[in-house]
Each structure stands twice: as structure tokens, then as C-alpha cells.
Amino acid sequence: MNNKKHFFPVFRLFLITGLFLTGVALYAQEVPIPKIDFNITQAKGPKEVALSLQILLLLTLLSMAPAIILMLTSFTKIVIVFDFIKRALSLQNMPPNQVTVSLALFLTFFIMAPTFDAINKDALSPYLEGKMKTTDFFQKAGAPLKKFMIKQIGREGIPEIALFLKISKEKRPKNFNEVPMHVLIPAFMLTEIKKAFIIGIYIFIPFLVIDMVVASTLMSMGMIMLPPVMISLPFKIILFVLVDGWTLMTYELVKSYG
């Protein structure tokens, strides 16, 4: 009897598997499955060589897309500010890092939408239509990004630009538009990090006051062994929720790039 009990479930499993594989085989006969093949052959002329180089260049740009997002957009400041909020609230893993990074990415796309539209209109679309050379494409595509970075650096980023000009031994430019990209990009990143830390200081101040008040109250009551963070954490969360902290901080971050 025990053998029969074990036999029938196994038999059903094999039967269902066989029917499934048969259905897959019949479906594959009716709907052809495409074959993907990558062939590497010798180029027969300069045009094919140029096309191959363009494909390699585009693949390289795609592989560098995360670094480009980090270097040339507002992502750096936003993700640092969100991490400051979590640390000020004494919440190490809430919300999770995946959530904050995803929110920072979507806010970055929202902020950079006018810049990306300008790149698409002035550089990408003409290039894909064959109306622009590759060298002109990079110049046209870099112009909106350079304009964005110059606007965000402003007068506050002059020391950073001067620092990298001194290190690279470049000549002093007459205006911001003459600053080379290899100087402008690190100066922009340092400026964004500096602004993010300044915002982090303002974020920490009210929550630090709550920690100090709770710690003083516990010491006056003689409850020295009780961690102050355990008591102050609910109060900090309540304060952050009452002021609608996430909405307020998101609004201020987006407004700072206006």
C-alpha cells in the first residue's frame, strides 16, 4: 500500500512534465524561434571600419552610463542628502538603500529632463538621422551638460575650479564657458558634495536637539543605563512625519536646481 501511495504522485509528476514538454515542442513547431548569431568578419572598406568604431564607442558609453549619471547630474547630492536623513533619524536600513537610490534616480531624471531634451533635440536626433558627424555630436551633446554644471557651480564653486586649474596647470579662463570639461566635472562633483553636507548639517540640528533633551531627561531621572536613542527615535520619527519631511526635502532639492 505504501508503494502505491508513493507511486501515483510520482506518476502524475512525470505525466504532467511529459505533457508540458510536448506542448512546448508543438508550440515551437508553430512559432519559429529566432536564431541570434554574431559574426566577426574583416572590414571591406573605410565605411565599415568607421561603423565598427562607432558601435564600439556607443557600447563604451553604455557601459559608462552609471558613472556619467554620478558625475554629470544631480544624483550625487540627492543620494547623499537622503543618507543624511536616515542617519539623523537613527534609521540605518529604513527605508532600504534600494528605495532611496531608486527615488534619487527618478528625481535625477525629473531634474535633468530639460537638459536631456536639449541633448536629444540638438545632438542625438540629428546624429541618428545622419545629419551630424560624430565629433559634432559630442560637442553638441556636451553643451547642455556643461551649461547645467556651470549653473549649479556658480560663484560658490570658483575655489574648486581654481584648484583643478592649478593641478592641471591650465591657463586661467576668461569665463566659465572656457573652462575645459576635465576641470569642470570634478569641480562640479566637489561642489555638489559640499552642498549636500551643508544640507546635512541643517538636517541634523533639530534631531540633535531632541537627542540632547532626551539624554538630559534620562540622566536627571537616574536612568543612565537606558540608551537615549531608544527613547528619542519615536519622537524624531513623529517630528519628521508631522512636518512631512520627505515631501518637504524633495521639494527643496528639486527647487535648488531651478
C-alpha atoms as a PDB file:
ATOM      1  CA  MET A   1       0.000   0.000   0.000  1.00  0.00           C
ATOM      2  CA  ASN A   2       2.792   2.420   0.849  1.00  0.00           C
ATOM      3  CA  ASN A   3       4.442   1.751  -2.515  1.00  0.00           C
ATOM      4  CA  LYS A   4       1.195   2.580  -4.299  1.00  0.00           C
ATOM      5  CA  LYS A   5       0.855   5.817  -2.329  1.00  0.00           C
ATOM      6  CA  HIS A   6       4.329   6.903  -3.409  1.00  0.00           C
ATOM      7  CA  PHE A   7       3.914   5.633  -6.980  1.00  0.00           C
ATOM      8  CA  PHE A   8       0.844   7.620  -8.020  1.00  0.00           C
ATOM      9  CA  PRO A   9       2.195  11.106  -7.103  1.00  0.00           C
ATOM     10  CA  VAL A  10       5.439  10.352  -8.940  1.00  0.00           C
ATOM     11  CA  PHE A  11       3.497   9.032 -11.937  1.00  0.00           C
ATOM     12  CA  ARG A  12       1.390  12.202 -12.024  1.00  0.00           C
ATOM     13  CA  LEU A  13       4.515  14.354 -11.892  1.00  0.00           C
ATOM     14  CA  PHE A  14       6.066  12.531 -14.863  1.00  0.00           C
ATOM     15  CA  LEU A  15       2.782  12.713 -16.766  1.00  0.00           C
ATOM     16  CA  ILE A  16       2.406  16.484 -16.245  1.00  0.00           C
ATOM     17  CA  THR A  17       6.054  17.047 -17.178  1.00  0.00           C
ATOM     18  CA  GLY A  18       5.665  14.996 -20.365  1.00  0.00           C
ATOM     19  CA  LEU A  19       2.527  16.898 -21.392  1.00  0.00           C
ATOM     20  CA  PHE A  20       4.269  20.209 -20.720  1.00  0.00           C
ATOM     21  CA  LEU A  21       7.305  19.274 -22.821  1.00  0.00           C
ATOM     22  CA  THR A  22       5.045  18.006 -25.606  1.00  0.00           C
ATOM     23  CA  GLY A  23       3.137  21.293 -25.619  1.00  0.00           C
ATOM     24  CA  VAL A  24       6.385  23.254 -25.734  1.00  0.00           C
ATOM     25  CA  ALA A  25       7.596  21.160 -28.674  1.00  0.00           C
ATOM     26  CA  LEU A  26       4.324  21.669 -30.593  1.00  0.00           C
ATOM     27  CA  TYR A  27       4.379  25.389 -29.855  1.00  0.00           C
ATOM     28  CA  ALA A  28       7.971  25.620 -31.051  1.00  0.00           C
ATOM     29  CA  GLN A  29       6.978  23.981 -34.334  1.00  0.00           C
ATOM     30  CA  GLU A  30       4.191  26.515 -34.946  1.00  0.00           C
ATOM     31  CA  VAL A  31       6.048  29.615 -33.787  1.00  0.00           C
ATOM     32  CA  PRO A  32       9.623  29.767 -35.114  1.00  0.00           C
ATOM     33  CA  ILE A  33      12.293  30.640 -32.554  1.00  0.00           C
ATOM     34  CA  PRO A  34      14.740  33.242 -33.878  1.00  0.00           C
ATOM     35  CA  LYS A  35      18.407  32.423 -34.112  1.00  0.00           C
ATOM     36  CA  ILE A  36      20.856  35.009 -32.833  1.00  0.00           C
ATOM     37  CA  ASP A  37      24.275  34.961 -34.435  1.00  0.00           C
ATOM     38  CA  PHE A  38      27.231  37.313 -34.034  1.00  0.00           C
ATOM     39  CA  ASN A  39      29.778  37.104 -36.809  1.00  0.00           C
ATOM     40  CA  ILE A  40      33.121  38.906 -36.830  1.00  0.00           C
ATOM     41  CA  THR A  41      34.422  39.378 -40.346  1.00  0.00           C
ATOM     42  CA  GLN A  42      37.060  41.524 -41.949  1.00  0.00           C
ATOM     43  CA  ALA A  43      36.018  45.031 -42.945  1.00  0.00           C
ATOM     44  CA  LYS A  44      35.953  45.617 -46.675  1.00  0.00           C
ATOM     45  CA  GLY A  45      36.270  49.388 -46.659  1.00  0.00           C
ATOM     46  CA  PRO A  46      36.719  52.561 -44.594  1.00  0.00           C
ATOM     47  CA  LYS A  47      32.957  52.945 -44.099  1.00  0.00           C
ATOM     48  CA  GLU A  48      32.663  49.546 -42.409  1.00  0.00           C
ATOM     49  CA  VAL A  49      35.638  50.375 -40.189  1.00  0.00           C
ATOM     50  CA  ALA A  50      34.028  53.672 -39.167  1.00  0.00           C
ATOM     51  CA  LEU A  51      30.741  51.899 -38.417  1.00  0.00           C
ATOM     52  CA  SER A  52      32.503  49.317 -36.262  1.00  0.00           C
ATOM     53  CA  LEU A  53      34.288  52.050 -34.329  1.00  0.00           C
ATOM     54  CA  GLN A  54      31.003  53.872 -33.766  1.00  0.00           C
ATOM     55  CA  ILE A  55      29.383  50.711 -32.421  1.00  0.00           C
ATOM     56  CA  LEU A  56      32.306  50.130 -30.035  1.00  0.00           C
ATOM     57  CA  LEU A  57      32.104  53.757 -28.928  1.00  0.00           C
ATOM     58  CA  LEU A  58      28.380  53.509 -28.212  1.00  0.00           C
ATOM     59  CA  LEU A  59      28.882  50.273 -26.252  1.00  0.00           C
ATOM     60  CA  THR A  60      31.595  52.005 -24.232  1.00  0.00           C
ATOM     61  CA  LEU A  61      29.257  54.900 -23.468  1.00  0.00           C
ATOM     62  CA  LEU A  62      26.536  52.489 -22.352  1.00  0.00           C
ATOM     63  CA  SER A  63      28.961  50.746 -20.007  1.00  0.00           C
ATOM     64  CA  MET A  64      29.934  54.136 -18.562  1.00  0.00           C
ATOM     65  CA  ALA A  65      26.318  55.270 -18.115  1.00  0.00           C
ATOM     66  CA  PRO A  66      26.297  54.771 -14.297  1.00  0.00           C
ATOM     67  CA  ALA A  67      29.483  56.814 -13.952  1.00  0.00           C
ATOM     68  CA  ILE A  68      28.069  59.523 -16.217  1.00  0.00           C
ATOM     69  CA  ILE A  69      24.914  59.697 -14.079  1.00  0.00           C
ATOM     70  CA  LEU A  70      27.045  60.045 -10.953  1.00  0.00           C
ATOM     71  CA  MET A  71      29.398  62.661 -12.409  1.00  0.00           C
ATOM     72  CA  LEU A  72      27.246  64.944 -14.555  1.00  0.00           C
ATOM     73  CA  THR A  73      23.823  65.037 -12.886  1.00  0.00           C
ATOM     74  CA  SER A  74      22.139  65.888  -9.601  1.00  0.00           C
ATOM     75  CA  PHE A  75      22.197  62.270  -8.397  1.00  0.00           C
ATOM     76  CA  THR A  76      25.233  62.714  -6.119  1.00  0.00           C
ATOM     77  CA  LYS A  77      23.737  65.452  -3.959  1.00  0.00           C
ATOM     78  CA  ILE A  78      20.300  63.847  -3.738  1.00  0.00           C
ATOM     79  CA  VAL A  79      21.525  60.420  -2.621  1.00  0.00           C
ATOM     80  CA  ILE A  80      23.886  61.953  -0.028  1.00  0.00           C
ATOM     81  CA  VAL A  81      21.075  64.088   1.426  1.00  0.00           C
ATOM     82  CA  PHE A  82      18.782  61.061   1.663  1.00  0.00           C
ATOM     83  CA  ASP A  83      21.507  59.165   3.526  1.00  0.00           C
ATOM     84  CA  PHE A  84      21.882  62.107   5.928  1.00  0.00           C
ATOM     85  CA  ILE A  85      18.150  61.928   6.641  1.00  0.00           C
ATOM     86  CA  LYS A  86      18.391  58.248   7.545  1.00  0.00           C
ATOM     87  CA  ARG A  87      21.383  58.823   9.807  1.00  0.00           C
ATOM     88  CA  ALA A  88      19.794  61.835  11.500  1.00  0.00           C
ATOM     89  CA  LEU A  89      16.723  59.755  12.266  1.00  0.00           C
ATOM     90  CA  SER A  90      18.982  56.905  13.513  1.00  0.00           C
ATOM     91  CA  LEU A  91      17.432  54.635  10.879  1.00  0.00           C
ATOM     92  CA  GLN A  92      20.252  52.674   9.291  1.00  0.00           C
ATOM     93  CA  ASN A  93      18.198  50.412   6.998  1.00  0.00           C
ATOM     94  CA  MET A  94      14.812  52.098   6.801  1.00  0.00           C
ATOM     95  CA  PRO A  95      13.880  52.941   4.155  1.00  0.00           C
ATOM     96  CA  PRO A  96      16.136  50.410   2.387  1.00  0.00           C
ATOM     97  CA  ASN A  97      19.006  51.645   0.265  1.00  0.00           C
ATOM     98  CA  GLN A  98      17.329  50.325  -2.885  1.00  0.00           C
ATOM     99  CA  VAL A  99      14.316  52.558  -2.230  1.00  0.00           C
ATOM    100  CA  THR A 100      16.323  55.733  -1.586  1.00  0.00           C
ATOM    101  CA  VAL A 101      18.607  55.134  -4.585  1.00  0.00           C
ATOM    102  CA  SER A 102      15.601  54.490  -6.843  1.00  0.00           C
ATOM    103  CA  LEU A 103      13.914  57.666  -5.614  1.00  0.00           C
ATOM    104  CA  ALA A 104      17.141  59.589  -6.174  1.00  0.00           C
ATOM    105  CA  LEU A 105      17.335  58.240  -9.741  1.00  0.00           C
ATOM    106  CA  PHE A 106      13.775  59.251 -10.584  1.00  0.00           C
ATOM    107  CA  LEU A 107      14.313  62.709  -9.087  1.00  0.00           C
ATOM    108  CA  THR A 108      17.510  62.976 -11.122  1.00  0.00           C
ATOM    109  CA  PHE A 109      15.633  62.177 -14.333  1.00  0.00           C
ATOM    110  CA  PHE A 110      12.958  64.718 -13.346  1.00  0.00           C
ATOM    111  CA  ILE A 111      15.512  67.456 -12.682  1.00  0.00           C
ATOM    112  CA  MET A 112      17.624  66.653 -15.738  1.00  0.00           C
ATOM    113  CA  ALA A 113      14.638  66.368 -18.119  1.00  0.00           C
ATOM    114  CA  PRO A 114      15.191  69.812 -19.753  1.00  0.00           C
ATOM    115  CA  THR A 115      18.888  69.041 -20.221  1.00  0.00           C
ATOM    116  CA  PHE A 116      18.172  65.603 -21.700  1.00  0.00           C
ATOM    117  CA  ASP A 117      15.546  67.112 -24.013  1.00  0.00           C
ATOM    118  CA  ALA A 118      18.083  69.639 -25.270  1.00  0.00           C
ATOM    119  CA  ILE A 119      20.624  66.850 -25.887  1.00  0.00           C
ATOM    120  CA  ASN A 120      18.028  64.823 -27.776  1.00  0.00           C
ATOM    121  CA  LYS A 121      16.885  67.792 -29.874  1.00  0.00           C
ATOM    122  CA  ASP A 122      20.271  69.341 -30.665  1.00  0.00           C
ATOM    123  CA  ALA A 123      22.543  66.289 -30.805  1.00  0.00           C
ATOM    124  CA  LEU A 124      21.017  62.816 -30.657  1.00  0.00           C
ATOM    125  CA  SER A 125      18.182  63.157 -33.177  1.00  0.00           C
ATOM    126  CA  PRO A 126      20.310  64.855 -35.886  1.00  0.00           C
ATOM    127  CA  TYR A 127      23.065  62.291 -35.320  1.00  0.00           C
ATOM    128  CA  LEU A 128      20.718  59.320 -35.698  1.00  0.00           C
ATOM    129  CA  GLU A 129      19.269  60.890 -38.858  1.00  0.00           C
ATOM    130  CA  GLY A 130      22.744  61.144 -40.341  1.00  0.00           C
ATOM    131  CA  LYS A 131      22.795  64.943 -40.361  1.00  0.00           C
ATOM    132  CA  MET A 132      25.705  65.283 -37.934  1.00  0.00           C
ATOM    133  CA  LYS A 133      29.222  63.899 -37.644  1.00  0.00           C
ATOM    134  CA  THR A 134      30.454  62.071 -34.558  1.00  0.00           C
ATOM    135  CA  THR A 135      32.762  64.900 -33.461  1.00  0.00           C
ATOM    136  CA  ASP A 136      29.939  67.437 -33.787  1.00  0.00           C
ATOM    137  CA  PHE A 137      27.657  65.077 -31.860  1.00  0.00           C
ATOM    138  CA  PHE A 138      29.925  65.063 -28.809  1.00  0.00           C
ATOM    139  CA  GLN A 139      30.267  68.848 -28.883  1.00  0.00           C
ATOM    140  CA  LYS A 140      26.525  69.401 -29.177  1.00  0.00           C
ATOM    141  CA  ALA A 141      25.717  66.760 -26.544  1.00  0.00           C
ATOM    142  CA  GLY A 142      28.230  68.193 -24.073  1.00  0.00           C
ATOM    143  CA  ALA A 143      26.976  71.776 -24.367  1.00  0.00           C
ATOM    144  CA  PRO A 144      23.693  71.331 -22.351  1.00  0.00           C
ATOM    145  CA  LEU A 145      25.515  69.311 -19.679  1.00  0.00           C
ATOM    146  CA  LYS A 146      28.214  71.958 -19.433  1.00  0.00           C
ATOM    147  CA  LYS A 147      25.561  74.664 -19.124  1.00  0.00           C
ATOM    148  CA  PHE A 148      23.855  72.712 -16.335  1.00  0.00           C
ATOM    149  CA  MET A 149      27.078  72.190 -14.403  1.00  0.00           C
ATOM    150  CA  ILE A 150      28.143  75.831 -14.753  1.00  0.00           C
ATOM    151  CA  LYS A 151      24.755  76.982 -13.453  1.00  0.00           C
ATOM    152  CA  GLN A 152      24.990  74.708 -10.408  1.00  0.00           C
ATOM    153  CA  ILE A 153      28.614  75.558  -9.628  1.00  0.00           C
ATOM    154  CA  GLY A 154      28.048  79.301  -9.675  1.00  0.00           C
ATOM    155  CA  ARG A 155      30.278  81.634  -7.731  1.00  0.00           C
ATOM    156  CA  GLU A 156      30.498  79.181  -4.842  1.00  0.00           C
ATOM    157  CA  GLY A 157      32.439  76.692  -6.966  1.00  0.00           C
ATOM    158  CA  ILE A 158      35.181  79.088  -8.054  1.00  0.00           C
ATOM    159  CA  PRO A 159      37.669  77.710  -5.450  1.00  0.00           C
ATOM    160  CA  GLU A 160      37.111  74.164  -6.763  1.00  0.00           C
ATOM    161  CA  ILE A 161      37.645  75.270 -10.371  1.00  0.00           C
ATOM    162  CA  ALA A 162      40.775  77.179  -9.358  1.00  0.00           C
ATOM    163  CA  LEU A 163      42.066  74.100  -7.550  1.00  0.00           C
ATOM    164  CA  PHE A 164      41.795  71.813 -10.580  1.00  0.00           C
ATOM    165  CA  LEU A 165      43.123  74.503 -12.910  1.00  0.00           C
ATOM    166  CA  LYS A 166      46.164  74.745 -10.667  1.00  0.00           C
ATOM    167  CA  ILE A 167      46.631  70.973 -10.532  1.00  0.00           C
ATOM    168  CA  SER A 168      46.263  70.542 -14.298  1.00  0.00           C
ATOM    169  CA  LYS A 169      48.401  73.655 -14.958  1.00  0.00           C
ATOM    170  CA  GLU A 170      45.797  75.043 -17.337  1.00  0.00           C
ATOM    171  CA  LYS A 171      45.626  78.705 -18.260  1.00  0.00           C
ATOM    172  CA  ARG A 172      43.147  80.816 -16.362  1.00  0.00           C
ATOM    173  CA  PRO A 173      39.956  81.055 -18.477  1.00  0.00           C
ATOM    174  CA  LYS A 174      38.239  84.368 -19.092  1.00  0.00           C
ATOM    175  CA  ASN A 175      34.788  82.994 -18.179  1.00  0.00           C
ATOM    176  CA  PHE A 176      33.009  79.782 -17.206  1.00  0.00           C
ATOM    177  CA  ASN A 177      32.355  78.771 -20.807  1.00  0.00           C
ATOM    178  CA  GLU A 178      36.096  78.474 -21.444  1.00  0.00           C
ATOM    179  CA  VAL A 179      36.645  76.047 -18.542  1.00  0.00           C
ATOM    180  CA  PRO A 180      37.600  72.612 -20.002  1.00  0.00           C
ATOM    181  CA  MET A 181      35.396  69.623 -19.196  1.00  0.00           C
ATOM    182  CA  HIS A 182      38.153  67.677 -17.411  1.00  0.00           C
ATOM    183  CA  VAL A 183      38.331  70.583 -14.941  1.00  0.00           C
ATOM    184  CA  LEU A 184      34.621  71.331 -14.777  1.00  0.00           C
ATOM    185  CA  ILE A 185      33.452  67.782 -13.965  1.00  0.00           C
ATOM    186  CA  PRO A 186      35.483  67.221 -10.736  1.00  0.00           C
ATOM    187  CA  ALA A 187      34.783  70.800  -9.650  1.00  0.00           C
ATOM    188  CA  PHE A 188      31.062  70.181 -10.135  1.00  0.00           C
ATOM    189  CA  MET A 189      31.214  66.944  -8.136  1.00  0.00           C
ATOM    190  CA  LEU A 190      33.056  68.597  -5.241  1.00  0.00           C
ATOM    191  CA  THR A 191      30.561  71.455  -5.237  1.00  0.00           C
ATOM    192  CA  GLU A 192      27.637  69.033  -5.132  1.00  0.00           C
ATOM    193  CA  ILE A 193      29.183  67.086  -2.244  1.00  0.00           C
ATOM    194  CA  LYS A 194      29.852  70.321  -0.338  1.00  0.00           C
ATOM    195  CA  LYS A 195      26.247  71.471  -0.797  1.00  0.00           C
ATOM    196  CA  ALA A 196      24.958  68.062   0.297  1.00  0.00           C
ATOM    197  CA  PHE A 197      26.991  68.221   3.515  1.00  0.00           C
ATOM    198  CA  ILE A 198      25.728  71.737   4.247  1.00  0.00           C
ATOM    199  CA  ILE A 199      22.154  70.474   3.866  1.00  0.00           C
ATOM    200  CA  GLY A 200      23.058  67.527   6.101  1.00  0.00           C
ATOM    201  CA  ILE A 201      24.110  69.902   8.884  1.00  0.00           C
ATOM    202  CA  TYR A 202      20.720  71.635   8.794  1.00  0.00           C
ATOM    203  CA  ILE A 203      19.003  68.236   8.831  1.00  0.00           C
ATOM    204  CA  PHE A 204      20.933  67.064  11.897  1.00  0.00           C
ATOM    205  CA  ILE A 205      20.329  70.153  14.074  1.00  0.00           C
ATOM    206  CA  PRO A 206      16.664  69.547  15.131  1.00  0.00           C
ATOM    207  CA  PHE A 207      17.194  65.828  15.671  1.00  0.00           C
ATOM    208  CA  LEU A 208      20.370  66.506  17.655  1.00  0.00           C
ATOM    209  CA  VAL A 209      18.360  68.800  19.936  1.00  0.00           C
ATOM    210  CA  ILE A 210      15.854  66.005  20.538  1.00  0.00           C
ATOM    211  CA  ASP A 211      18.695  63.585  21.402  1.00  0.00           C
ATOM    212  CA  MET A 212      20.202  66.083  23.858  1.00  0.00           C
ATOM    213  CA  VAL A 213      16.855  66.765  25.552  1.00  0.00           C
ATOM    214  CA  VAL A 214      16.106  63.051  25.913  1.00  0.00           C
ATOM    215  CA  ALA A 215      19.631  62.296  27.196  1.00  0.00           C
ATOM    216  CA  SER A 216      19.397  65.129  29.771  1.00  0.00           C
ATOM    217  CA  THR A 217      15.983  63.919  30.926  1.00  0.00           C
ATOM    218  CA  LEU A 218      17.188  60.342  31.361  1.00  0.00           C
ATOM    219  CA  MET A 219      20.250  61.469  33.323  1.00  0.00           C
ATOM    220  CA  SER A 220      18.139  63.635  35.619  1.00  0.00           C
ATOM    221  CA  MET A 221      15.876  60.644  36.283  1.00  0.00           C
ATOM    222  CA  GLY A 222      18.878  58.433  37.025  1.00  0.00           C
ATOM    223  CA  MET A 223      18.211  56.151  34.055  1.00  0.00           C
ATOM    224  CA  ILE A 224      21.807  56.134  32.850  1.00  0.00           C
ATOM    225  CA  MET A 225      21.797  52.561  31.571  1.00  0.00           C
ATOM    226  CA  LEU A 226      18.886  53.183  29.164  1.00  0.00           C
ATOM    227  CA  PRO A 227      20.125  54.168  25.645  1.00  0.00           C
ATOM    228  CA  PRO A 228      18.821  57.647  24.750  1.00  0.00           C
ATOM    229  CA  VAL A 229      18.405  56.634  21.096  1.00  0.00           C
ATOM    230  CA  MET A 230      15.766  54.087  22.063  1.00  0.00           C
ATOM    231  CA  ILE A 231      13.613  56.848  23.593  1.00  0.00           C
ATOM    232  CA  SER A 232      14.372  59.646  21.116  1.00  0.00           C
ATOM    233  CA  LEU A 233      13.772  57.569  17.979  1.00  0.00           C
ATOM    234  CA  PRO A 234       9.921  57.638  18.149  1.00  0.00           C
ATOM    235  CA  PHE A 235       9.945  61.380  18.843  1.00  0.00           C
ATOM    236  CA  LYS A 236      12.220  62.050  15.855  1.00  0.00           C
ATOM    237  CA  ILE A 237      10.035  59.960  13.564  1.00  0.00           C
ATOM    238  CA  ILE A 238       6.896  61.720  14.823  1.00  0.00           C
ATOM    239  CA  LEU A 239       8.502  65.137  14.207  1.00  0.00           C
ATOM    240  CA  PHE A 240       9.623  64.120  10.712  1.00  0.00           C
ATOM    241  CA  VAL A 241       6.148  62.808   9.839  1.00  0.00           C
ATOM    242  CA  LEU A 242       4.367  65.885  11.236  1.00  0.00           C
ATOM    243  CA  VAL A 243       6.412  68.281   9.099  1.00  0.00           C
ATOM    244  CA  ASP A 244       6.011  65.930   6.087  1.00  0.00           C
ATOM    245  CA  GLY A 245       9.772  65.614   5.868  1.00  0.00           C
ATOM    246  CA  TRP A 246      10.127  63.551   2.700  1.00  0.00           C
ATOM    247  CA  THR A 247       7.878  65.830   0.660  1.00  0.00           C
ATOM    248  CA  LEU A 248       9.494  68.960   2.055  1.00  0.00           C
ATOM    249  CA  MET A 249      13.024  67.706   1.426  1.00  0.00           C
ATOM    250  CA  THR A 250      12.163  66.522  -2.091  1.00  0.00           C
ATOM    251  CA  TYR A 251      10.631  69.903  -2.887  1.00  0.00           C
ATOM    252  CA  GLU A 252      13.681  71.783  -1.635  1.00  0.00           C
ATOM    253  CA  LEU A 253      16.088  69.534  -3.529  1.00  0.00           C
ATOM    254  CA  VAL A 254      14.227  69.935  -6.817  1.00  0.00           C
ATOM    255  CA  LYS A 255      13.832  73.676  -6.229  1.00  0.00           C
ATOM    256  CA  SER A 256      17.585  74.062  -5.637  1.00  0.00           C
ATOM    257  CA  TYR A 257      18.162  73.104  -9.289  1.00  0.00           C
ATOM    258  CA  GLY A 258      15.589  75.529 -10.661  1.00  0.00           C
END
